[in-house]
Amino acid sequence: MEVDPELSEVKQLRKRAGLTQQQLAQAAGVSQSLIAKIEAGHVDPSFSVGKRILAALKSCEQEQEPTAKELMQTHVVQCKKEEPLARVIARMKKHGISAVPVVEDKRVVGLVSERGIIEQLGSITATTRVAEVMSDAPPIIPVQTPRSVLASLLQHFGLLIVGERGTCRGVVTKADLLGKL
């Protein structure tokens, strides 16, 4: 559960967001002198004013947060449902990846992953096709999705598809988030 920041943290949050007191005041619809007094601990604003200031800080912070478009990998190794699984596994090894989106008619229809392959290892033969081991498609997210949302989704999914109307423009993995810290 995310805890809301306290008004005593306004100065730290403002500086972390790279804002001047004047810029924060404008964003919150208050005076610069009120921001200065709050930061100095000389005034305790009303609840509604404090809420507006914290909302303005959060909004500025989200605007600066990297998006899926900035974090995604645009070279996406893909496969088709009817491809031999052995060929896809070879591609996964070659590129050092653990999952491959399954695409039909430019739409993501599933996912082949190391985990899914291992779960079905006993039934895989030389003639096994991708369709026999693929799982449901991972979430398809818009390019403007902020990093905080990506991080939350990646706690439950191995990769996210960045796209529009079911098409794949890129992928985001945990490694992509860690690589941009």
N, C-alpha and C. Protein backbone atom coordinates (compact mmCIF):
# COMPACT_ATOMS: atom_id res chain seq x y z
N MET A 1 0.85 -1.17 0.00
CA MET A 1 0.00 0.00 0.00
C MET A 1 0.89 1.24 0.00
N GLU A 2 0.60 2.18 -0.86
CA GLU A 2 1.40 3.39 -0.98
C GLU A 2 0.92 4.41 0.06
N VAL A 3 1.87 4.98 0.80
CA VAL A 3 1.56 5.96 1.82
C VAL A 3 1.73 7.36 1.23
N ASP A 4 0.76 8.23 1.48
CA ASP A 4 0.86 9.60 0.99
C ASP A 4 1.95 10.33 1.74
N PRO A 5 2.69 11.19 1.06
CA PRO A 5 3.74 11.96 1.74
C PRO A 5 3.12 12.98 2.69
N GLU A 6 3.90 13.41 3.65
CA GLU A 6 3.48 14.41 4.62
C GLU A 6 3.85 15.80 4.12
N LEU A 7 3.19 16.82 4.61
CA LEU A 7 3.52 18.19 4.23
C LEU A 7 4.93 18.58 4.68
N SER A 8 5.42 17.91 5.72
CA SER A 8 6.80 18.20 6.17
C SER A 8 7.83 17.79 5.12
N GLU A 9 7.42 16.97 4.15
CA GLU A 9 8.33 16.51 3.10
C GLU A 9 8.23 17.35 1.83
N VAL A 10 7.46 18.41 1.84
CA VAL A 10 7.23 19.21 0.63
C VAL A 10 8.54 19.70 0.02
N LYS A 11 9.44 20.23 0.86
CA LYS A 11 10.69 20.76 0.33
C LYS A 11 11.51 19.68 -0.37
N GLN A 12 11.63 18.52 0.27
CA GLN A 12 12.39 17.41 -0.33
C GLN A 12 11.75 16.96 -1.64
N LEU A 13 10.44 16.81 -1.63
CA LEU A 13 9.73 16.36 -2.82
C LEU A 13 9.84 17.39 -3.95
N ARG A 14 9.74 18.66 -3.60
CA ARG A 14 9.85 19.73 -4.60
C ARG A 14 11.23 19.72 -5.24
N LYS A 15 12.25 19.59 -4.41
CA LYS A 15 13.63 19.58 -4.94
C LYS A 15 13.88 18.34 -5.79
N ARG A 16 13.37 17.20 -5.35
CA ARG A 16 13.54 15.97 -6.13
C ARG A 16 12.86 16.09 -7.49
N ALA A 17 11.75 16.81 -7.54
CA ALA A 17 11.03 17.01 -8.81
C ALA A 17 11.68 18.11 -9.64
N GLY A 18 12.67 18.82 -9.06
CA GLY A 18 13.37 19.87 -9.80
C GLY A 18 12.53 21.13 -9.96
N LEU A 19 11.67 21.40 -9.01
CA LEU A 19 10.79 22.57 -9.08
C LEU A 19 11.25 23.68 -8.16
N THR A 20 11.00 24.90 -8.56
CA THR A 20 11.21 26.04 -7.66
C THR A 20 9.94 26.18 -6.82
N GLN A 21 10.04 26.99 -5.77
CA GLN A 21 8.84 27.25 -4.97
C GLN A 21 7.76 27.90 -5.83
N GLN A 22 8.17 28.80 -6.72
CA GLN A 22 7.21 29.49 -7.59
C GLN A 22 6.51 28.51 -8.52
N GLN A 23 7.26 27.58 -9.10
CA GLN A 23 6.66 26.60 -10.02
C GLN A 23 5.67 25.70 -9.28
N LEU A 24 6.03 25.27 -8.08
CA LEU A 24 5.10 24.45 -7.29
C LEU A 24 3.87 25.25 -6.93
N ALA A 25 4.06 26.49 -6.53
CA ALA A 25 2.93 27.35 -6.17
C ALA A 25 1.96 27.49 -7.34
N GLN A 26 2.49 27.72 -8.53
CA GLN A 26 1.63 27.85 -9.72
C GLN A 26 0.89 26.55 -10.00
N ALA A 27 1.58 25.44 -9.90
CA ALA A 27 0.96 24.14 -10.17
C ALA A 27 -0.14 23.82 -9.16
N ALA A 28 0.03 24.28 -7.92
CA ALA A 28 -0.95 24.00 -6.87
C ALA A 28 -2.01 25.10 -6.73
N GLY A 29 -1.78 26.23 -7.40
CA GLY A 29 -2.74 27.33 -7.30
C GLY A 29 -2.68 28.06 -5.97
N VAL A 30 -1.46 28.17 -5.43
CA VAL A 30 -1.27 28.90 -4.17
C VAL A 30 -0.13 29.90 -4.37
N SER A 31 0.16 30.69 -3.34
CA SER A 31 1.24 31.67 -3.47
C SER A 31 2.59 31.04 -3.14
N GLN A 32 3.64 31.65 -3.69
CA GLN A 32 4.99 31.18 -3.42
C GLN A 32 5.33 31.37 -1.95
N SER A 33 4.84 32.43 -1.36
CA SER A 33 5.14 32.68 0.05
C SER A 33 4.52 31.60 0.95
N LEU A 34 3.35 31.08 0.55
CA LEU A 34 2.73 30.00 1.33
C LEU A 34 3.61 28.75 1.26
N ILE A 35 4.14 28.44 0.10
CA ILE A 35 5.04 27.28 -0.04
C ILE A 35 6.26 27.47 0.85
N ALA A 36 6.84 28.67 0.83
CA ALA A 36 8.02 28.96 1.66
C ALA A 36 7.69 28.79 3.15
N LYS A 37 6.54 29.28 3.58
CA LYS A 37 6.14 29.17 5.00
C LYS A 37 5.90 27.70 5.39
N ILE A 38 5.30 26.92 4.49
CA ILE A 38 5.06 25.49 4.77
C ILE A 38 6.40 24.77 4.90
N GLU A 39 7.31 25.05 3.97
CA GLU A 39 8.62 24.39 3.99
C GLU A 39 9.42 24.77 5.24
N ALA A 40 9.25 25.98 5.72
CA ALA A 40 9.96 26.43 6.92
C ALA A 40 9.29 25.94 8.20
N GLY A 41 8.08 25.39 8.05
CA GLY A 41 7.34 24.90 9.22
C GLY A 41 6.65 26.00 9.99
N HIS A 42 6.45 27.18 9.36
CA HIS A 42 5.83 28.31 10.05
C HIS A 42 4.32 28.35 9.92
N VAL A 43 3.77 27.54 9.01
CA VAL A 43 2.33 27.57 8.82
C VAL A 43 1.83 26.15 8.56
N ASP A 44 0.62 25.88 9.05
CA ASP A 44 -0.04 24.60 8.83
C ASP A 44 -1.26 24.88 7.95
N PRO A 45 -1.17 24.58 6.65
CA PRO A 45 -2.25 24.94 5.74
C PRO A 45 -3.50 24.09 5.98
N SER A 46 -4.61 24.53 5.41
CA SER A 46 -5.84 23.76 5.50
C SER A 46 -5.65 22.43 4.78
N PHE A 47 -6.52 21.50 5.07
CA PHE A 47 -6.45 20.18 4.46
C PHE A 47 -6.52 20.27 2.94
N SER A 48 -7.45 21.07 2.44
CA SER A 48 -7.64 21.16 0.99
C SER A 48 -6.41 21.76 0.30
N VAL A 49 -5.78 22.75 0.91
CA VAL A 49 -4.58 23.36 0.33
C VAL A 49 -3.42 22.36 0.36
N GLY A 50 -3.26 21.68 1.47
CA GLY A 50 -2.21 20.67 1.57
C GLY A 50 -2.41 19.57 0.54
N LYS A 51 -3.64 19.18 0.34
CA LYS A 51 -3.97 18.14 -0.64
C LYS A 51 -3.62 18.61 -2.06
N ARG A 52 -3.92 19.87 -2.37
CA ARG A 52 -3.60 20.42 -3.70
C ARG A 52 -2.09 20.46 -3.94
N ILE A 53 -1.35 20.84 -2.91
CA ILE A 53 0.11 20.92 -3.03
C ILE A 53 0.70 19.52 -3.28
N LEU A 54 0.26 18.55 -2.49
CA LEU A 54 0.77 17.19 -2.67
C LEU A 54 0.34 16.61 -4.01
N ALA A 55 -0.86 16.92 -4.47
CA ALA A 55 -1.32 16.45 -5.78
C ALA A 55 -0.49 17.06 -6.89
N ALA A 56 -0.15 18.34 -6.76
CA ALA A 56 0.69 19.00 -7.77
C ALA A 56 2.08 18.36 -7.81
N LEU A 57 2.63 18.04 -6.65
CA LEU A 57 3.94 17.38 -6.59
C LEU A 57 3.88 16.00 -7.24
N LYS A 58 2.83 15.26 -6.95
CA LYS A 58 2.69 13.92 -7.53
C LYS A 58 2.54 14.01 -9.05
N SER A 59 1.78 14.97 -9.51
CA SER A 59 1.58 15.15 -10.95
C SER A 59 2.89 15.48 -11.64
N CYS A 60 3.68 16.36 -11.05
CA CYS A 60 4.98 16.73 -11.64
C CYS A 60 5.92 15.54 -11.64
N GLU A 61 5.87 14.74 -10.60
CA GLU A 61 6.72 13.56 -10.50
C GLU A 61 6.36 12.54 -11.58
N GLN A 62 5.05 12.35 -11.82
CA GLN A 62 4.61 11.40 -12.84
C GLN A 62 4.98 11.87 -14.24
N GLU A 63 4.97 13.18 -14.47
CA GLU A 63 5.35 13.71 -15.78
C GLU A 63 6.81 13.42 -16.09
N GLN A 64 7.64 13.33 -15.05
CA GLN A 64 9.06 13.09 -15.23
C GLN A 64 9.41 11.60 -15.28
N GLU A 65 8.46 10.76 -14.91
CA GLU A 65 8.69 9.32 -14.87
C GLU A 65 8.81 8.75 -16.29
N PRO A 66 9.81 7.89 -16.54
CA PRO A 66 9.94 7.29 -17.87
C PRO A 66 8.70 6.47 -18.23
N THR A 67 8.40 6.38 -19.50
CA THR A 67 7.23 5.64 -19.97
C THR A 67 7.66 4.36 -20.68
N ALA A 68 6.68 3.54 -21.00
CA ALA A 68 6.96 2.30 -21.72
C ALA A 68 7.69 2.57 -23.03
N LYS A 69 7.34 3.66 -23.70
CA LYS A 69 7.98 4.00 -24.98
C LYS A 69 9.48 4.19 -24.80
N GLU A 70 9.88 4.79 -23.68
CA GLU A 70 11.29 5.05 -23.42
C GLU A 70 12.04 3.81 -22.91
N LEU A 71 11.31 2.87 -22.32
CA LEU A 71 11.94 1.71 -21.71
C LEU A 71 11.87 0.45 -22.56
N MET A 72 10.99 0.42 -23.54
CA MET A 72 10.74 -0.82 -24.29
C MET A 72 11.88 -1.19 -25.25
N GLN A 73 11.94 -2.48 -25.53
CA GLN A 73 12.82 -3.01 -26.56
C GLN A 73 12.01 -3.06 -27.85
N THR A 74 12.50 -2.47 -28.91
CA THR A 74 11.72 -2.43 -30.14
C THR A 74 12.04 -3.59 -31.08
N HIS A 75 13.19 -4.22 -30.88
CA HIS A 75 13.49 -5.42 -31.67
C HIS A 75 12.90 -6.60 -30.91
N VAL A 76 11.76 -7.09 -31.38
CA VAL A 76 11.05 -8.15 -30.68
C VAL A 76 11.14 -9.45 -31.48
N VAL A 77 11.68 -10.47 -30.85
CA VAL A 77 11.70 -11.79 -31.46
C VAL A 77 10.29 -12.35 -31.31
N GLN A 78 9.70 -12.76 -32.43
CA GLN A 78 8.32 -13.26 -32.43
C GLN A 78 8.27 -14.64 -33.06
N CYS A 79 7.14 -15.30 -32.91
CA CYS A 79 6.94 -16.58 -33.57
C CYS A 79 5.47 -16.71 -33.96
N LYS A 80 5.18 -17.77 -34.71
CA LYS A 80 3.81 -18.06 -35.13
C LYS A 80 3.36 -19.36 -34.48
N LYS A 81 2.02 -19.53 -34.37
CA LYS A 81 1.46 -20.70 -33.70
C LYS A 81 1.88 -22.02 -34.32
N GLU A 82 2.03 -22.06 -35.62
CA GLU A 82 2.32 -23.32 -36.32
C GLU A 82 3.81 -23.62 -36.44
N GLU A 83 4.66 -22.75 -35.94
CA GLU A 83 6.11 -23.00 -36.00
C GLU A 83 6.49 -24.18 -35.12
N PRO A 84 7.51 -24.92 -35.53
CA PRO A 84 8.02 -25.98 -34.64
C PRO A 84 8.60 -25.36 -33.37
N LEU A 85 8.28 -25.94 -32.24
CA LEU A 85 8.75 -25.42 -30.96
C LEU A 85 10.28 -25.44 -30.90
N ALA A 86 10.90 -26.46 -31.46
CA ALA A 86 12.36 -26.57 -31.42
C ALA A 86 13.03 -25.35 -32.06
N ARG A 87 12.44 -24.84 -33.13
CA ARG A 87 13.00 -23.67 -33.82
C ARG A 87 12.89 -22.42 -32.91
N VAL A 88 11.78 -22.30 -32.22
CA VAL A 88 11.58 -21.15 -31.33
C VAL A 88 12.52 -21.23 -30.13
N ILE A 89 12.71 -22.44 -29.59
CA ILE A 89 13.65 -22.61 -28.47
C ILE A 89 15.06 -22.22 -28.92
N ALA A 90 15.45 -22.61 -30.12
CA ALA A 90 16.77 -22.24 -30.65
C ALA A 90 16.90 -20.72 -30.75
N ARG A 91 15.84 -20.06 -31.18
CA ARG A 91 15.85 -18.59 -31.29
C ARG A 91 15.96 -17.95 -29.90
N MET A 92 15.26 -18.52 -28.93
CA MET A 92 15.32 -17.99 -27.57
C MET A 92 16.75 -18.10 -27.03
N LYS A 93 17.38 -19.23 -27.27
CA LYS A 93 18.77 -19.42 -26.82
C LYS A 93 19.70 -18.43 -27.52
N LYS A 94 19.55 -18.31 -28.83
CA LYS A 94 20.41 -17.43 -29.62
C LYS A 94 20.36 -15.99 -29.11
N HIS A 95 19.16 -15.51 -28.78
CA HIS A 95 18.98 -14.11 -28.36
C HIS A 95 19.05 -13.93 -26.84
N GLY A 96 19.18 -15.03 -26.10
CA GLY A 96 19.27 -14.94 -24.64
C GLY A 96 18.01 -14.40 -24.00
N ILE A 97 16.85 -14.86 -24.49
CA ILE A 97 15.57 -14.39 -23.95
C ILE A 97 14.77 -15.55 -23.38
N SER A 98 13.85 -15.26 -22.50
CA SER A 98 13.09 -16.32 -21.84
C SER A 98 11.65 -16.43 -22.30
N ALA A 99 11.21 -15.53 -23.18
CA ALA A 99 9.83 -15.58 -23.66
C ALA A 99 9.73 -14.93 -25.04
N VAL A 100 8.80 -15.44 -25.84
CA VAL A 100 8.59 -14.95 -27.20
C VAL A 100 7.10 -14.77 -27.44
N PRO A 101 6.67 -13.57 -27.86
CA PRO A 101 5.26 -13.38 -28.19
C PRO A 101 4.88 -14.20 -29.44
N VAL A 102 3.69 -14.76 -29.40
CA VAL A 102 3.16 -15.48 -30.55
C VAL A 102 2.25 -14.51 -31.30
N VAL A 103 2.56 -14.30 -32.60
CA VAL A 103 1.85 -13.29 -33.39
C VAL A 103 1.20 -13.94 -34.60
N GLU A 104 -0.05 -13.60 -34.84
CA GLU A 104 -0.79 -14.03 -36.02
C GLU A 104 -1.50 -12.81 -36.59
N ASP A 105 -1.33 -12.56 -37.87
CA ASP A 105 -1.96 -11.41 -38.53
C ASP A 105 -1.67 -10.10 -37.78
N LYS A 106 -0.41 -9.94 -37.35
CA LYS A 106 0.08 -8.75 -36.65
C LYS A 106 -0.52 -8.56 -35.25
N ARG A 107 -1.26 -9.54 -34.75
CA ARG A 107 -1.86 -9.46 -33.42
C ARG A 107 -1.20 -10.47 -32.49
N VAL A 108 -0.93 -10.05 -31.26
CA VAL A 108 -0.35 -10.94 -30.27
C VAL A 108 -1.45 -11.87 -29.76
N VAL A 109 -1.23 -13.17 -29.93
CA VAL A 109 -2.26 -14.15 -29.54
C VAL A 109 -1.80 -15.06 -28.41
N GLY A 110 -0.54 -14.98 -28.02
CA GLY A 110 -0.06 -15.84 -26.95
C GLY A 110 1.39 -15.57 -26.63
N LEU A 111 1.95 -16.46 -25.81
CA LEU A 111 3.33 -16.31 -25.36
C LEU A 111 3.95 -17.69 -25.17
N VAL A 112 5.15 -17.85 -25.68
CA VAL A 112 5.93 -19.06 -25.41
C VAL A 112 7.01 -18.62 -24.43
N SER A 113 7.07 -19.31 -23.29
CA SER A 113 8.06 -18.94 -22.27
C SER A 113 8.81 -20.18 -21.78
N GLU A 114 9.98 -19.94 -21.23
CA GLU A 114 10.75 -21.03 -20.64
C GLU A 114 9.90 -21.76 -19.61
N ARG A 115 9.20 -21.02 -18.78
CA ARG A 115 8.38 -21.61 -17.73
C ARG A 115 7.31 -22.52 -18.34
N GLY A 116 6.62 -22.04 -19.37
CA GLY A 116 5.58 -22.85 -20.02
C GLY A 116 6.14 -24.09 -20.67
N ILE A 117 7.32 -23.98 -21.27
CA ILE A 117 7.96 -25.13 -21.90
C ILE A 117 8.33 -26.16 -20.84
N ILE A 118 8.93 -25.70 -19.76
CA ILE A 118 9.35 -26.61 -18.69
C ILE A 118 8.14 -27.31 -18.05
N GLU A 119 7.04 -26.58 -17.88
CA GLU A 119 5.83 -27.18 -17.30
C GLU A 119 5.30 -28.33 -18.16
N GLN A 120 5.53 -28.27 -19.48
CA GLN A 120 5.00 -29.29 -20.38
C GLN A 120 6.11 -30.18 -20.96
N LEU A 121 7.26 -30.16 -20.34
CA LEU A 121 8.43 -30.88 -20.85
C LEU A 121 8.17 -32.35 -21.16
N GLY A 122 7.38 -33.01 -20.34
CA GLY A 122 7.10 -34.43 -20.53
C GLY A 122 6.32 -34.75 -21.79
N SER A 123 5.58 -33.79 -22.32
CA SER A 123 4.75 -34.06 -23.51
C SER A 123 5.33 -33.45 -24.78
N ILE A 124 6.49 -32.83 -24.70
CA ILE A 124 7.10 -32.19 -25.87
C ILE A 124 7.88 -33.22 -26.68
N THR A 125 7.63 -33.20 -28.00
CA THR A 125 8.34 -34.09 -28.92
C THR A 125 9.00 -33.25 -30.01
N ALA A 126 9.66 -33.91 -30.92
CA ALA A 126 10.32 -33.21 -32.02
C ALA A 126 9.32 -32.53 -32.95
N THR A 127 8.06 -32.96 -32.92
CA THR A 127 7.04 -32.38 -33.81
C THR A 127 6.12 -31.39 -33.10
N THR A 128 6.39 -31.09 -31.85
CA THR A 128 5.54 -30.16 -31.10
C THR A 128 5.56 -28.77 -31.73
N ARG A 129 4.39 -28.20 -31.86
CA ARG A 129 4.23 -26.85 -32.42
C ARG A 129 4.01 -25.85 -31.29
N VAL A 130 4.27 -24.60 -31.59
CA VAL A 130 4.13 -23.51 -30.62
C VAL A 130 2.72 -23.50 -30.01
N ALA A 131 1.69 -23.69 -30.83
CA ALA A 131 0.31 -23.65 -30.35
C ALA A 131 0.04 -24.63 -29.21
N GLU A 132 0.82 -25.71 -29.15
CA GLU A 132 0.59 -26.74 -28.13
C GLU A 132 1.13 -26.35 -26.76
N VAL A 133 2.05 -25.39 -26.69
CA VAL A 133 2.65 -25.03 -25.41
C VAL A 133 2.47 -23.56 -25.04
N MET A 134 1.93 -22.77 -25.96
CA MET A 134 1.83 -21.33 -25.67
C MET A 134 0.78 -21.07 -24.59
N SER A 135 1.01 -20.00 -23.86
CA SER A 135 0.06 -19.54 -22.85
C SER A 135 -0.67 -18.31 -23.39
N ASP A 136 -1.59 -17.78 -22.60
CA ASP A 136 -2.31 -16.57 -23.00
C ASP A 136 -1.34 -15.42 -23.24
N ALA A 137 -1.78 -14.49 -24.04
CA ALA A 137 -0.97 -13.30 -24.31
C ALA A 137 -0.79 -12.49 -23.03
N PRO A 138 0.38 -11.91 -22.84
CA PRO A 138 0.58 -11.04 -21.68
C PRO A 138 -0.18 -9.72 -21.89
N PRO A 139 -0.26 -8.89 -20.87
CA PRO A 139 -0.96 -7.61 -21.02
C PRO A 139 -0.34 -6.76 -22.14
N ILE A 140 -1.22 -6.10 -22.88
CA ILE A 140 -0.78 -5.16 -23.91
C ILE A 140 -1.04 -3.77 -23.34
N ILE A 141 0.02 -3.00 -23.21
CA ILE A 141 -0.07 -1.70 -22.55
C ILE A 141 0.24 -0.58 -23.54
N PRO A 142 -0.31 0.60 -23.31
CA PRO A 142 -0.02 1.74 -24.20
C PRO A 142 1.40 2.28 -23.99
N VAL A 143 1.92 2.96 -25.01
CA VAL A 143 3.28 3.49 -24.95
C VAL A 143 3.48 4.52 -23.84
N GLN A 144 2.42 5.19 -23.41
CA GLN A 144 2.57 6.23 -22.38
C GLN A 144 2.45 5.69 -20.95
N THR A 145 2.40 4.38 -20.76
CA THR A 145 2.30 3.79 -19.43
C THR A 145 3.55 4.14 -18.61
N PRO A 146 3.38 4.72 -17.41
CA PRO A 146 4.54 5.12 -16.61
C PRO A 146 5.26 3.93 -15.97
N ARG A 147 6.53 4.14 -15.65
CA ARG A 147 7.37 3.10 -15.07
C ARG A 147 6.76 2.47 -13.82
N SER A 148 6.12 3.26 -12.97
CA SER A 148 5.55 2.71 -11.74
C SER A 148 4.48 1.67 -12.04
N VAL A 149 3.70 1.88 -13.08
CA VAL A 149 2.67 0.90 -13.47
C VAL A 149 3.33 -0.34 -14.07
N LEU A 150 4.37 -0.12 -14.87
CA LEU A 150 5.11 -1.25 -15.45
C LEU A 150 5.68 -2.13 -14.34
N ALA A 151 6.27 -1.50 -13.34
CA ALA A 151 6.87 -2.25 -12.23
C ALA A 151 5.82 -3.09 -11.51
N SER A 152 4.66 -2.51 -11.32
CA SER A 152 3.57 -3.23 -10.65
C SER A 152 3.12 -4.44 -11.48
N LEU A 153 2.94 -4.24 -12.78
CA LEU A 153 2.51 -5.34 -13.66
C LEU A 153 3.58 -6.43 -13.77
N LEU A 154 4.84 -6.03 -13.80
CA LEU A 154 5.93 -7.00 -13.94
C LEU A 154 6.12 -7.87 -12.70
N GLN A 155 5.45 -7.54 -11.62
CA GLN A 155 5.47 -8.42 -10.45
C GLN A 155 4.63 -9.66 -10.70
N HIS A 156 3.75 -9.58 -11.72
CA HIS A 156 2.84 -10.70 -12.01
C HIS A 156 3.05 -11.33 -13.38
N PHE A 157 3.77 -10.64 -14.27
CA PHE A 157 3.97 -11.12 -15.63
C PHE A 157 5.46 -11.04 -15.98
N GLY A 158 5.92 -11.99 -16.79
CA GLY A 158 7.33 -12.03 -17.19
C GLY A 158 7.71 -10.95 -18.18
N LEU A 159 6.74 -10.55 -19.00
CA LEU A 159 6.98 -9.46 -19.93
C LEU A 159 5.66 -8.80 -20.28
N LEU A 160 5.76 -7.58 -20.76
CA LEU A 160 4.59 -6.80 -21.16
C LEU A 160 4.76 -6.43 -22.62
N ILE A 161 3.66 -6.48 -23.36
CA ILE A 161 3.67 -6.07 -24.75
C ILE A 161 3.30 -4.59 -24.80
N VAL A 162 4.08 -3.80 -25.49
CA VAL A 162 3.76 -2.39 -25.69
C VAL A 162 3.16 -2.30 -27.08
N GLY A 163 1.93 -1.84 -27.16
CA GLY A 163 1.30 -1.82 -28.47
C GLY A 163 -0.02 -1.08 -28.50
N GLU A 164 -0.65 -1.22 -29.64
CA GLU A 164 -1.94 -0.58 -29.88
C GLU A 164 -2.83 -1.56 -30.62
N ARG A 165 -4.06 -1.68 -30.16
CA ARG A 165 -5.06 -2.55 -30.80
C ARG A 165 -4.53 -3.96 -31.03
N GLY A 166 -3.84 -4.51 -30.05
CA GLY A 166 -3.36 -5.88 -30.14
C GLY A 166 -2.06 -6.08 -30.89
N THR A 167 -1.55 -5.04 -31.54
CA THR A 167 -0.29 -5.18 -32.27
C THR A 167 0.88 -4.88 -31.34
N CYS A 168 2.03 -5.43 -31.68
CA CYS A 168 3.22 -5.31 -30.85
C CYS A 168 4.19 -4.27 -31.41
N ARG A 169 4.44 -3.22 -30.63
CA ARG A 169 5.45 -2.21 -31.01
C ARG A 169 6.75 -2.44 -30.26
N GLY A 170 6.67 -3.20 -29.17
CA GLY A 170 7.85 -3.48 -28.36
C GLY A 170 7.47 -4.31 -27.16
N VAL A 171 8.48 -4.63 -26.34
CA VAL A 171 8.25 -5.36 -25.09
C VAL A 171 9.02 -4.70 -23.97
N VAL A 172 8.51 -4.89 -22.76
CA VAL A 172 9.21 -4.42 -21.56
C VAL A 172 9.33 -5.60 -20.61
N THR A 173 10.55 -5.83 -20.13
CA THR A 173 10.80 -6.88 -19.15
C THR A 173 11.37 -6.26 -17.88
N LYS A 174 11.54 -7.08 -16.87
CA LYS A 174 12.14 -6.60 -15.62
C LYS A 174 13.54 -6.05 -15.89
N ALA A 175 14.27 -6.72 -16.76
CA ALA A 175 15.63 -6.27 -17.09
C ALA A 175 15.62 -4.86 -17.70
N ASP A 176 14.59 -4.55 -18.48
CA ASP A 176 14.49 -3.22 -19.08
C ASP A 176 14.31 -2.14 -18.00
N LEU A 177 13.53 -2.46 -16.97
CA LEU A 177 13.34 -1.50 -15.87
C LEU A 177 14.63 -1.33 -15.09
N LEU A 178 15.30 -2.42 -14.81
CA LEU A 178 16.54 -2.35 -14.04
C LEU A 178 17.65 -1.67 -14.81
N GLY A 179 17.63 -1.80 -16.12
CA GLY A 179 18.66 -1.20 -16.96
C GLY A 179 18.58 0.30 -17.02
N LYS A 180 17.46 0.89 -16.63
CA LYS A 180 17.28 2.35 -16.72
C LYS A 180 17.31 3.02 -15.34
N LEU A 181 17.86 2.35 -14.34
CA LEU A 181 17.93 2.96 -13.01
C LEU A 181 19.13 3.85 -12.88
